[in-house]
Amino acid sequence: MECVVVLLLGSVLVGGLVLFVIEAGVRRTRSMAARDDQEISELHRRYGDGRW
């Protein structure tokens, strides 16, 4: 019986860790995309709609 409880707690901890890592990766990807949008906006402001 104790073995089942230990396995259950272990799986919950591992699942939480996996979700945390996925969330951190998604957050970093979003911030990189926002930075790219900011740079593109700056280029549009500086050079207009022409080629840059």
PDB file of N, CA and C in Angstrom:
ATOM      1  N   MET A   1       0.827  -1.205   0.000  1.00  0.00           N
ATOM      2  CA  MET A   1       0.000   0.000   0.000  1.00  0.00           C
ATOM      3  C   MET A   1       0.864   1.259   0.000  1.00  0.00           C
ATOM      4  N   GLU A   2       1.921   1.269   0.824  1.00  0.00           N
ATOM      5  CA  GLU A   2       2.779   2.466   0.850  1.00  0.00           C
ATOM      6  C   GLU A   2       3.463   2.676  -0.492  1.00  0.00           C
ATOM      7  N   CYS A   3       3.756   1.558  -1.160  1.00  0.00           N
ATOM      8  CA  CYS A   3       4.411   1.645  -2.469  1.00  0.00           C
ATOM      9  C   CYS A   3       3.522   2.385  -3.466  1.00  0.00           C
ATOM     10  N   VAL A   4       2.220   2.120  -3.416  1.00  0.00           N
ATOM     11  CA  VAL A   4       1.270   2.788  -4.314  1.00  0.00           C
ATOM     12  C   VAL A   4       1.242   4.285  -4.028  1.00  0.00           C
ATOM     13  N   VAL A   5       1.237   4.665  -2.768  1.00  0.00           N
ATOM     14  CA  VAL A   5       1.211   6.079  -2.390  1.00  0.00           C
ATOM     15  C   VAL A   5       2.484   6.771  -2.856  1.00  0.00           C
ATOM     16  N   VAL A   6       3.638   6.130  -2.683  1.00  0.00           N
ATOM     17  CA  VAL A   6       4.912   6.715  -3.104  1.00  0.00           C
ATOM     18  C   VAL A   6       4.937   6.889  -4.623  1.00  0.00           C
ATOM     19  N   LEU A   7       4.455   5.878  -5.345  1.00  0.00           N
ATOM     20  CA  LEU A   7       4.414   5.990  -6.811  1.00  0.00           C
ATOM     21  C   LEU A   7       3.473   7.099  -7.261  1.00  0.00           C
ATOM     22  N   LEU A   8       2.348   7.233  -6.607  1.00  0.00           N
ATOM     23  CA  LEU A   8       1.390   8.283  -6.946  1.00  0.00           C
ATOM     24  C   LEU A   8       1.988   9.666  -6.711  1.00  0.00           C
ATOM     25  N   LEU A   9       2.611   9.860  -5.550  1.00  0.00           N
ATOM     26  CA  LEU A   9       3.246  11.152  -5.266  1.00  0.00           C
ATOM     27  C   LEU A   9       4.375  11.447  -6.250  1.00  0.00           C
ATOM     28  N   GLY A  10       5.158  10.427  -6.559  1.00  0.00           N
ATOM     29  CA  GLY A  10       6.250  10.614  -7.516  1.00  0.00           C
ATOM     30  C   GLY A  10       5.745  11.016  -8.885  1.00  0.00           C
ATOM     31  N   SER A  11       4.667  10.392  -9.333  1.00  0.00           N
ATOM     32  CA  SER A  11       4.134  10.737 -10.654  1.00  0.00           C
ATOM     33  C   SER A  11       3.564  12.155 -10.665  1.00  0.00           C
ATOM     34  N   VAL A  12       2.957  12.565  -9.556  1.00  0.00           N
ATOM     35  CA  VAL A  12       2.433  13.933  -9.464  1.00  0.00           C
ATOM     36  C   VAL A  12       3.579  14.936  -9.516  1.00  0.00           C
ATOM     37  N   LEU A  13       4.663  14.656  -8.800  1.00  0.00           N
ATOM     38  CA  LEU A  13       5.814  15.561  -8.814  1.00  0.00           C
ATOM     39  C   LEU A  13       6.443  15.649 -10.197  1.00  0.00           C
ATOM     40  N   VAL A  14       6.605  14.508 -10.854  1.00  0.00           N
ATOM     41  CA  VAL A  14       7.200  14.509 -12.195  1.00  0.00           C
ATOM     42  C   VAL A  14       6.296  15.248 -13.175  1.00  0.00           C
ATOM     43  N   GLY A  15       4.990  15.041 -13.088  1.00  0.00           N
ATOM     44  CA  GLY A  15       4.051  15.748 -13.962  1.00  0.00           C
ATOM     45  C   GLY A  15       4.114  17.249 -13.759  1.00  0.00           C
ATOM     46  N   GLY A  16       4.207  17.692 -12.514  1.00  0.00           N
ATOM     47  CA  GLY A  16       4.323  19.126 -12.239  1.00  0.00           C
ATOM     48  C   GLY A  16       5.608  19.707 -12.791  1.00  0.00           C
ATOM     49  N   LEU A  17       6.687  18.946 -12.688  1.00  0.00           N
ATOM     50  CA  LEU A  17       7.969  19.413 -13.225  1.00  0.00           C
ATOM     51  C   LEU A  17       7.913  19.546 -14.740  1.00  0.00           C
ATOM     52  N   VAL A  18       7.301  18.569 -15.398  1.00  0.00           N
ATOM     53  CA  VAL A  18       7.174  18.621 -16.854  1.00  0.00           C
ATOM     54  C   VAL A  18       6.345  19.828 -17.271  1.00  0.00           C
ATOM     55  N   LEU A  19       5.232  20.071 -16.585  1.00  0.00           N
ATOM     56  CA  LEU A  19       4.404  21.238 -16.912  1.00  0.00           C
ATOM     57  C   LEU A  19       5.164  22.540 -16.695  1.00  0.00           C
ATOM     58  N   PHE A  20       5.971  22.611 -15.632  1.00  0.00           N
ATOM     59  CA  PHE A  20       6.756  23.814 -15.359  1.00  0.00           C
ATOM     60  C   PHE A  20       7.752  24.073 -16.482  1.00  0.00           C
ATOM     61  N   VAL A  21       8.432  23.024 -16.942  1.00  0.00           N
ATOM     62  CA  VAL A  21       9.426  23.181 -18.014  1.00  0.00           C
ATOM     63  C   VAL A  21       8.744  23.610 -19.308  1.00  0.00           C
ATOM     64  N   ILE A  22       7.596  23.015 -19.629  1.00  0.00           N
ATOM     65  CA  ILE A  22       6.873  23.400 -20.847  1.00  0.00           C
ATOM     66  C   ILE A  22       6.437  24.859 -20.763  1.00  0.00           C
ATOM     67  N   GLU A  23       5.908  25.278 -19.623  1.00  0.00           N
ATOM     68  CA  GLU A  23       5.462  26.663 -19.448  1.00  0.00           C
ATOM     69  C   GLU A  23       6.619  27.644 -19.587  1.00  0.00           C
ATOM     70  N   ALA A  24       7.780  27.304 -19.028  1.00  0.00           N
ATOM     71  CA  ALA A  24       8.951  28.183 -19.145  1.00  0.00           C
ATOM     72  C   ALA A  24       9.376  28.298 -20.609  1.00  0.00           C
ATOM     73  N   GLY A  25       9.344  27.206 -21.351  1.00  0.00           N
ATOM     74  CA  GLY A  25       9.704  27.253 -22.772  1.00  0.00           C
ATOM     75  C   GLY A  25       8.738  28.096 -23.567  1.00  0.00           C
ATOM     76  N   VAL A  26       7.450  27.969 -23.290  1.00  0.00           N
ATOM     77  CA  VAL A  26       6.445  28.763 -24.005  1.00  0.00           C
ATOM     78  C   VAL A  26       6.632  30.239 -23.692  1.00  0.00           C
ATOM     79  N   ARG A  27       6.920  30.562 -22.435  1.00  0.00           N
ATOM     80  CA  ARG A  27       7.103  31.960 -22.045  1.00  0.00           C
ATOM     81  C   ARG A  27       8.305  32.568 -22.764  1.00  0.00           C
ATOM     82  N   ARG A  28       9.420  31.814 -22.856  1.00  0.00           N
ATOM     83  CA  ARG A  28      10.614  32.320 -23.522  1.00  0.00           C
ATOM     84  C   ARG A  28      10.348  32.518 -25.011  1.00  0.00           C
ATOM     85  N   THR A  29       9.609  31.592 -25.632  1.00  0.00           N
ATOM     86  CA  THR A  29       9.286  31.716 -27.060  1.00  0.00           C
ATOM     87  C   THR A  29       8.438  32.951 -27.299  1.00  0.00           C
ATOM     88  N   ARG A  30       7.466  33.206 -26.410  1.00  0.00           N
ATOM     89  CA  ARG A  30       6.616  34.384 -26.567  1.00  0.00           C
ATOM     90  C   ARG A  30       7.425  35.672 -26.463  1.00  0.00           C
ATOM     91  N   SER A  31       8.356  35.738 -25.518  1.00  0.00           N
ATOM     92  CA  SER A  31       9.127  36.964 -25.349  1.00  0.00           C
ATOM     93  C   SER A  31      10.035  37.189 -26.554  1.00  0.00           C
ATOM     94  N   MET A  32      10.561  36.114 -27.143  1.00  0.00           N
ATOM     95  CA  MET A  32      11.390  36.261 -28.340  1.00  0.00           C
ATOM     96  C   MET A  32      10.543  36.764 -29.503  1.00  0.00           C
ATOM     97  N   ALA A  33       9.320  36.256 -29.650  1.00  0.00           N
ATOM     98  CA  ALA A  33       8.435  36.703 -30.725  1.00  0.00           C
ATOM     99  C   ALA A  33       8.065  38.171 -30.533  1.00  0.00           C
ATOM    100  N   ALA A  34       7.832  38.588 -29.297  1.00  0.00           N
ATOM    101  CA  ALA A  34       7.503  39.986 -29.024  1.00  0.00           C
ATOM    102  C   ALA A  34       8.684  40.881 -29.371  1.00  0.00           C
ATOM    103  N   ARG A  35       9.905  40.420 -29.087  1.00  0.00           N
ATOM    104  CA  ARG A  35      11.089  41.194 -29.416  1.00  0.00           C
ATOM    105  C   ARG A  35      11.229  41.333 -30.935  1.00  0.00           C
ATOM    106  N   ASP A  36      10.956  40.252 -31.682  1.00  0.00           N
ATOM    107  CA  ASP A  36      11.012  40.316 -33.140  1.00  0.00           C
ATOM    108  C   ASP A  36       9.993  41.313 -33.667  1.00  0.00           C
ATOM    109  N   ASP A  37       8.767  41.291 -33.137  1.00  0.00           N
ATOM    110  CA  ASP A  37       7.740  42.242 -33.564  1.00  0.00           C
ATOM    111  C   ASP A  37       8.183  43.673 -33.281  1.00  0.00           C
ATOM    112  N   GLN A  38       8.843  43.879 -32.152  1.00  0.00           N
ATOM    113  CA  GLN A  38       9.316  45.213 -31.802  1.00  0.00           C
ATOM    114  C   GLN A  38      10.383  45.687 -32.797  1.00  0.00           C
ATOM    115  N   GLU A  39      11.298  44.792 -33.161  1.00  0.00           N
ATOM    116  CA  GLU A  39      12.339  45.161 -34.118  1.00  0.00           C
ATOM    117  C   GLU A  39      11.745  45.461 -35.491  1.00  0.00           C
ATOM    118  N   ILE A  40      10.760  44.667 -35.913  1.00  0.00           N
ATOM    119  CA  ILE A  40      10.120  44.912 -37.213  1.00  0.00           C
ATOM    120  C   ILE A  40       9.388  46.250 -37.191  1.00  0.00           C
ATOM    121  N   SER A  41       8.720  46.562 -36.101  1.00  0.00           N
ATOM    122  CA  SER A  41       8.035  47.855 -35.988  1.00  0.00           C
ATOM    123  C   SER A  41       9.037  49.006 -36.076  1.00  0.00           C
ATOM    124  N   GLU A  42      10.189  48.823 -35.429  1.00  0.00           N
ATOM    125  CA  GLU A  42      11.228  49.856 -35.478  1.00  0.00           C
ATOM    126  C   GLU A  42      11.741  50.045 -36.903  1.00  0.00           C
ATOM    127  N   LEU A  43      11.946  48.960 -37.612  1.00  0.00           N
ATOM    128  CA  LEU A  43      12.409  49.058 -39.004  1.00  0.00           C
ATOM    129  C   LEU A  43      11.367  49.746 -39.878  1.00  0.00           C
ATOM    130  N   HIS A  44      10.090  49.411 -39.684  1.00  0.00           N
ATOM    131  CA  HIS A  44       9.030  50.085 -40.442  1.00  0.00           C
ATOM    132  C   HIS A  44       9.024  51.574 -40.135  1.00  0.00           C
ATOM    133  N   ARG A  45       9.189  51.922 -38.866  1.00  0.00           N
ATOM    134  CA  ARG A  45       9.163  53.338 -38.487  1.00  0.00           C
ATOM    135  C   ARG A  45      10.351  54.082 -39.096  1.00  0.00           C
ATOM    136  N   ARG A  46      11.492  53.406 -39.104  1.00  0.00           N
ATOM    137  CA  ARG A  46      12.708  54.060 -39.572  1.00  0.00           C
ATOM    138  C   ARG A  46      12.785  54.167 -41.092  1.00  0.00           C
ATOM    139  N   TYR A  47      12.383  53.085 -41.803  1.00  0.00           N
ATOM    140  CA  TYR A  47      12.617  53.019 -43.233  1.00  0.00           C
ATOM    141  C   TYR A  47      11.328  52.961 -44.054  1.00  0.00           C
ATOM    142  N   GLY A  48      10.192  53.009 -43.424  1.00  0.00           N
ATOM    143  CA  GLY A  48       8.941  52.918 -44.162  1.00  0.00           C
ATOM    144  C   GLY A  48       8.661  51.485 -44.589  1.00  0.00           C
ATOM    145  N   ASP A  49       7.809  51.352 -45.607  1.00  0.00           N
ATOM    146  CA  ASP A  49       7.403  50.021 -46.050  1.00  0.00           C
ATOM    147  C   ASP A  49       8.319  49.458 -47.131  1.00  0.00           C
ATOM    148  N   GLY A  50       9.374  50.160 -47.490  1.00  0.00           N
ATOM    149  CA  GLY A  50      10.305  49.676 -48.497  1.00  0.00           C
ATOM    150  C   GLY A  50      11.092  48.480 -48.018  1.00  0.00           C
ATOM    151  N   ARG A  51      12.054  48.074 -48.793  1.00  0.00           N
ATOM    152  CA  ARG A  51      12.880  46.919 -48.399  1.00  0.00           C
ATOM    153  C   ARG A  51      13.905  47.361 -47.365  1.00  0.00           C
ATOM    154  N   TRP A  52      14.111  46.510 -46.351  1.00  0.00           N
ATOM    155  CA  TRP A  52      15.119  46.779 -45.347  1.00  0.00           C
ATOM    156  C   TRP A  52      15.896  45.549 -45.172  1.00  0.00           C
TER     157      TRP A  52
END
